[in-house]
Protein backbone atom coordinates (compact mmCIF):
# COMPACT_ATOMS: atom_id res chain seq x y z
CA MET A 1 73.03 -65.44 -16.71
CA THR A 2 75.82 -63.89 -18.76
CA HIS A 3 78.19 -61.27 -17.45
CA SER A 4 76.65 -58.55 -19.61
CA ALA A 5 73.07 -59.53 -18.75
CA THR A 6 73.85 -59.64 -15.05
CA GLN A 7 75.58 -56.26 -15.13
CA ALA A 8 72.65 -54.73 -16.98
CA ALA A 9 70.31 -55.90 -14.21
CA VAL A 10 72.40 -54.68 -11.27
CA ALA A 11 70.25 -53.41 -8.42
CA GLU A 12 69.91 -53.99 -4.72
CA GLY A 13 68.41 -57.38 -4.03
CA LEU A 14 68.91 -61.08 -3.50
CA LEU A 15 70.15 -63.40 -6.25
CA ALA A 16 70.07 -67.19 -5.88
CA TRP A 17 72.54 -69.47 -7.64
CA SER A 18 72.19 -72.93 -9.13
CA PRO A 19 74.55 -74.93 -11.38
CA ARG A 20 72.02 -74.89 -14.23
CA ARG A 21 70.71 -71.32 -14.07
CA GLY A 22 73.60 -69.44 -12.51
CA LEU A 23 72.42 -66.35 -10.61
CA THR A 24 68.72 -65.50 -10.81
CA GLY A 25 66.64 -62.87 -9.04
CA PRO A 26 63.12 -62.88 -7.57
CA ASP A 27 61.64 -62.19 -11.02
CA ALA A 28 62.75 -65.61 -12.30
CA HIS A 29 59.76 -67.80 -13.23
CA ASP A 30 61.24 -71.10 -12.12
CA HIS A 31 63.03 -70.13 -8.93
CA VAL A 32 62.62 -67.61 -6.12
CA PRO A 33 65.51 -67.00 -3.70
CA THR A 34 64.87 -68.21 -0.18
CA VAL A 35 64.39 -65.17 2.07
CA GLY A 36 64.62 -64.91 5.83
CA GLU A 37 66.23 -68.22 6.73
CA ARG A 38 69.15 -68.53 9.13
CA LEU A 39 72.53 -68.43 7.42
CA ALA A 40 75.06 -71.23 7.69
CA VAL A 41 77.83 -69.06 6.21
CA ALA A 42 78.13 -65.42 5.15
CA ASP A 43 80.88 -63.10 4.01
CA SER A 44 80.89 -59.47 2.90
CA TRP A 45 83.24 -56.70 1.84
CA LEU A 46 83.37 -53.12 0.57
CA LEU A 47 83.22 -52.81 -3.22
CA ARG A 48 84.10 -49.37 -4.54
CA ASP A 49 84.10 -48.73 -8.31
CA GLY A 50 84.93 -52.36 -9.03
CA ARG A 51 87.80 -52.60 -6.53
CA VAL A 52 87.98 -54.77 -3.41
CA ARG A 53 90.46 -55.19 -0.56
CA GLY A 54 91.53 -58.78 0.14
CA LEU A 55 88.94 -60.53 -2.03
CA VAL A 56 91.07 -63.68 -2.36
CA ARG A 57 91.07 -63.97 1.44
CA HIS A 58 87.30 -63.56 1.56
CA ARG A 59 87.00 -66.30 -1.05
CA GLU A 60 89.20 -68.66 0.95
CA ARG A 61 87.29 -67.99 4.16
CA PHE A 62 83.87 -68.42 2.53
CA LEU A 63 84.73 -71.60 0.63
CA GLY A 64 86.42 -73.08 3.69
CA ALA A 65 83.46 -72.29 5.95
CA CYS A 66 81.01 -73.77 3.43
CA GLY A 67 83.09 -76.96 3.31
CA GLU A 68 83.19 -77.20 7.10
CA SER A 69 79.42 -76.77 7.35
CA GLY A 70 78.61 -79.48 4.80
CA GLY A 71 77.85 -77.10 1.95
CA PRO A 72 77.87 -77.72 -1.80
CA SER A 73 80.78 -79.40 -3.55
CA LEU A 74 83.99 -77.49 -4.10
CA ARG A 75 83.28 -77.40 -7.83
CA GLN A 76 79.91 -75.76 -7.24
CA LEU A 77 81.42 -73.29 -4.79
CA VAL A 78 84.09 -72.31 -7.31
CA ASP A 79 81.48 -71.90 -10.06
CA PHE A 80 79.28 -69.82 -7.76
CA TRP A 81 82.19 -67.55 -6.88
CA ARG A 82 83.00 -67.05 -10.56
CA ASP A 83 79.40 -66.13 -11.41
CA MET A 84 79.09 -63.96 -8.32
CA THR A 85 82.24 -62.00 -9.17
CA ALA A 86 81.01 -61.43 -12.72
CA ALA A 87 77.71 -60.09 -11.37
CA LEU A 88 79.24 -57.52 -9.04
CA PRO A 89 78.83 -53.87 -10.13
CA ARG A 90 81.89 -52.09 -11.48
CA THR A 91 80.71 -48.62 -10.47
CA GLY A 92 79.42 -47.16 -7.23
CA GLU A 93 79.90 -48.15 -3.59
CA TRP A 94 78.45 -51.51 -2.56
CA PHE A 95 78.50 -53.89 0.40
CA PRO A 96 77.70 -57.28 -1.18
CA ARG A 97 77.19 -60.40 0.93
CA VAL A 98 77.59 -64.02 -0.17
CA GLU A 99 75.46 -66.53 1.70
CA LEU A 100 74.85 -70.23 2.26
CA GLY A 101 71.37 -70.93 3.63
CA ALA A 102 71.26 -73.13 6.72
CA GLU A 103 68.19 -75.15 5.68
CA SER A 104 67.97 -74.69 1.91
CA ARG A 105 71.76 -75.04 1.40
CA GLU A 106 71.23 -72.42 -1.27
CA LEU A 107 74.11 -70.19 -2.41
CA ARG A 108 73.10 -66.55 -2.78
CA LEU A 109 74.42 -63.07 -3.47
CA LEU A 110 72.85 -60.16 -1.62
CA LEU A 111 73.60 -56.89 -3.41
CA ARG A 112 73.44 -53.89 -1.07
CA HIS A 113 74.59 -50.32 -1.45
CA ALA A 114 77.32 -49.51 1.07
CA PRO A 115 76.19 -47.59 4.15
CA PRO A 116 78.01 -44.40 5.15
CA LEU A 117 81.61 -45.21 6.09
CA GLY A 118 83.11 -44.18 9.40
CA SER A 119 86.62 -42.94 10.17
CA SER A 120 86.22 -43.40 13.95
CA VAL A 121 83.94 -45.33 16.29
CA ARG A 122 82.13 -44.86 19.60
CA VAL A 123 82.06 -48.04 21.64
CA TRP A 124 79.76 -49.12 24.45
CA ALA A 125 82.07 -49.49 27.44
CA ALA A 126 80.04 -52.30 29.04
CA GLY A 127 81.60 -55.58 27.91
CA GLN A 128 78.90 -57.86 26.48
CA SER A 129 78.86 -61.59 27.14
CA ASP A 130 79.47 -63.40 23.86
CA PRO A 131 76.05 -64.63 22.61
CA ARG A 132 77.33 -66.48 19.54
CA THR A 133 76.82 -70.19 18.97
CA VAL A 134 79.43 -70.49 16.18
CA PRO A 135 81.94 -67.70 16.89
CA ARG A 136 84.56 -68.81 14.37
CA ARG A 137 82.15 -68.81 11.43
CA LYS A 138 80.40 -65.72 10.11
CA GLY A 139 76.72 -66.25 9.35
CA PRO A 140 74.84 -68.28 11.97
CA ASP A 141 74.82 -65.51 14.58
CA LEU A 142 74.22 -62.42 12.45
CA ASP A 143 70.67 -61.93 13.79
CA VAL A 144 71.63 -62.04 17.47
CA LEU A 145 74.58 -59.72 16.80
CA ALA A 146 72.30 -57.27 15.00
CA ARG A 147 70.06 -57.13 18.08
CA LEU A 148 73.08 -56.52 20.29
CA ARG A 149 74.19 -53.67 18.06
CA GLN A 150 70.74 -52.11 18.40
CA ARG A 151 71.29 -52.08 22.18
CA ALA A 152 74.67 -50.43 21.69
CA VAL A 153 73.13 -47.75 19.48
CA ALA A 154 70.52 -47.12 22.17
CA GLU A 155 73.43 -46.44 24.53
CA GLY A 156 74.82 -43.81 22.16
CA ALA A 157 77.48 -46.08 20.63
CA ASP A 158 78.23 -47.49 17.18
CA GLU A 159 79.61 -50.82 18.40
CA ALA A 160 80.13 -52.97 21.48
CA VAL A 161 82.89 -55.33 22.59
CA LEU A 162 82.23 -59.02 23.23
CA VAL A 163 84.00 -60.57 26.22
CA ALA A 164 84.64 -64.12 27.43
CA PRO A 165 83.22 -65.32 30.78
CA SER A 166 86.59 -64.39 32.30
CA GLY A 167 86.16 -60.79 31.08
CA VAL A 168 88.86 -61.13 28.42
CA VAL A 169 88.21 -59.04 25.29
CA LEU A 170 87.28 -61.10 22.22
CA GLU A 171 86.14 -58.79 19.41
CA GLY A 172 83.52 -56.24 18.42
CA ILE A 173 80.01 -57.09 17.28
CA HIS A 174 81.05 -56.74 13.64
CA SER A 175 84.77 -55.98 14.01
CA SER A 176 88.10 -57.30 15.18
CA VAL A 177 89.69 -55.47 18.12
CA LEU A 178 93.32 -54.31 18.02
CA TRP A 179 95.18 -52.08 20.45
CA TRP A 180 98.64 -50.64 21.03
CA GLU A 181 100.81 -51.20 24.09
CA ASP A 182 103.78 -48.87 23.62
CA ASP A 183 105.10 -49.84 20.16
CA THR A 184 103.50 -53.30 20.14
CA LEU A 185 100.38 -54.01 18.10
CA CYS A 186 98.20 -56.33 20.19
CA LEU A 187 95.26 -58.58 19.44
CA PRO A 188 93.40 -61.40 21.19
CA SER A 189 94.83 -64.89 21.09
CA PRO A 190 93.63 -67.06 18.18
CA GLN A 191 92.95 -69.73 20.83
CA LEU A 192 90.01 -67.60 21.95
CA PRO A 193 86.64 -67.93 20.18
CA VAL A 194 87.21 -65.18 17.59
CA LEU A 195 86.51 -64.91 13.88
CA ALA A 196 89.54 -64.99 11.60
CA GLY A 197 89.24 -61.45 10.26
CA VAL A 198 90.42 -60.64 6.75
CA THR A 199 91.24 -57.02 7.60
CA VAL A 200 93.15 -57.89 10.76
CA ALA A 201 95.21 -60.42 8.76
CA LEU A 202 96.18 -57.71 6.25
CA ILE A 203 97.20 -55.42 9.12
CA GLN A 204 99.27 -58.16 10.75
CA GLU A 205 101.09 -58.80 7.47
CA ARG A 206 101.99 -55.16 7.10
CA ALA A 207 103.17 -54.90 10.70
CA GLN A 208 105.43 -57.92 10.34
CA ARG A 209 106.74 -56.68 6.99
CA THR A 210 107.66 -53.29 8.45
CA GLY A 211 109.23 -54.60 11.64
CA ILE A 212 106.43 -53.73 14.05
CA ARG A 213 106.10 -56.19 16.89
CA VAL A 214 102.77 -58.06 17.00
CA ALA A 215 101.64 -59.84 20.18
CA HIS A 216 98.63 -61.89 21.22
CA ARG A 217 97.54 -60.81 24.68
CA GLU A 218 94.60 -61.40 26.98
CA ARG A 219 93.21 -58.13 28.31
CA THR A 220 89.98 -57.07 29.96
CA LEU A 221 88.07 -54.05 28.77
CA ALA A 222 89.43 -52.04 31.70
CA ASP A 223 92.96 -52.83 30.52
CA LEU A 224 92.23 -50.87 27.32
CA ASP A 225 91.49 -47.68 29.25
CA GLY A 226 93.57 -44.84 27.79
CA ARG A 227 95.08 -46.96 25.01
CA GLU A 228 94.87 -46.47 21.25
CA VAL A 229 92.25 -49.06 20.28
CA TRP A 230 91.08 -49.91 16.76
CA LEU A 231 87.99 -51.71 15.55
CA VAL A 232 88.67 -53.08 12.08
CA ASN A 233 86.53 -54.79 9.46
CA ALA A 234 86.05 -55.19 5.73
CA LEU A 235 83.52 -52.36 5.46
CA HIS A 236 85.10 -49.47 7.37
CA GLY A 237 88.72 -50.62 7.40
CA ILE A 238 90.44 -49.18 10.49
CA ARG A 239 88.37 -47.12 12.92
CA PRO A 240 90.08 -45.82 16.06
CA VAL A 241 87.95 -45.70 19.18
CA THR A 242 87.41 -42.02 19.94
CA GLU A 243 84.82 -42.45 22.69
CA TRP A 244 83.74 -45.10 25.19
CA THR A 245 80.10 -44.50 26.07
CA GLY A 246 78.03 -45.62 29.07
CA GLY A 247 78.41 -48.85 30.95
CA THR A 248 81.10 -48.05 33.53
CA GLU A 249 81.85 -45.57 36.29
CA PRO A 250 84.15 -43.80 35.89
CA LEU A 251 83.96 -43.80 32.12
CA MET A 252 86.86 -45.27 30.17
CA ARG A 253 89.14 -42.87 28.36
CA ALA A 254 89.85 -43.22 24.66
CA GLY A 255 93.57 -43.04 23.93
CA ARG A 256 94.88 -40.66 21.29
CA ALA A 257 94.78 -42.21 17.82
CA VAL A 258 98.37 -41.33 16.94
CA ARG A 259 98.92 -44.18 14.46
CA ALA A 260 95.50 -44.63 12.87
CA ALA A 261 95.69 -41.96 10.14
CA GLU A 262 98.85 -43.36 8.56
CA TRP A 263 97.50 -46.92 8.64
CA ARG A 264 94.16 -45.85 7.22
CA GLN A 265 95.96 -44.17 4.31
CA TRP A 266 97.90 -47.36 3.65
CA MET A 267 94.65 -49.32 3.64
CA GLU A 268 93.12 -46.94 1.09
CA ASP A 269 95.73 -48.12 -1.44
CA LEU A 270 95.01 -51.86 -1.01
CA PRO A 271 91.84 -52.44 -3.09
CA GLU A 272 92.43 -54.28 -6.36
CA PRO A 273 90.17 -54.46 -9.46
CA LEU A 274 87.82 -57.38 -9.86
CA GLN A 275 88.96 -59.94 -12.39
């Protein structure tokens, strides 16, 4: 499918890719995208009027994860990424997801309109045991994480925090967790079972470039009481925790988000146009 033909057909939906046909939708006569199977790899980002934040990093993470999971050849992955990028809309707000099917080994693009974006987040204060089977790879555990988020929403929250058996904070359901201790920006140790977040990597780079100390520390959820805590991801960017809901007595206190506004403004200037 050519760039112009793909762009003309832009709509929400699932497109499958093959070396011979490129990207095709469910209306193709000779191929129907596989729907509903478990994902071996997935990656997603906010696309706003043809501009994306950190797309090269998403590409590296997706291609690397596909290689580690026995996916298609590097040449096919590169060709898929080229065709996928050409198919992305250049107007509007979208939340596309690239996928590698676990059984079919099919490469796909799921085009979705972006949901409403949040500038803050309410978090379920009961630390949730980490249910993931492959915590360092996005994709295989999306279904179980979606069910966990439904529980958090039922508790009046937007997100929940995953914890290790020791109680140490790992990350959010769909976010990396950062917090401030005095003037030090803190995050969980990379030795813990956490996903290598694209957004958190961009934040770390800026902190190091501007002389802000960054430290990896092991903290329990209770240790974050009263601190400025951020949940960050590719969709919402930086969201300071403004409320901890349910789960503990007495309830945790959300620290004042004194730094978040300036960092969120910096992040607004990062998106670059698709090539």
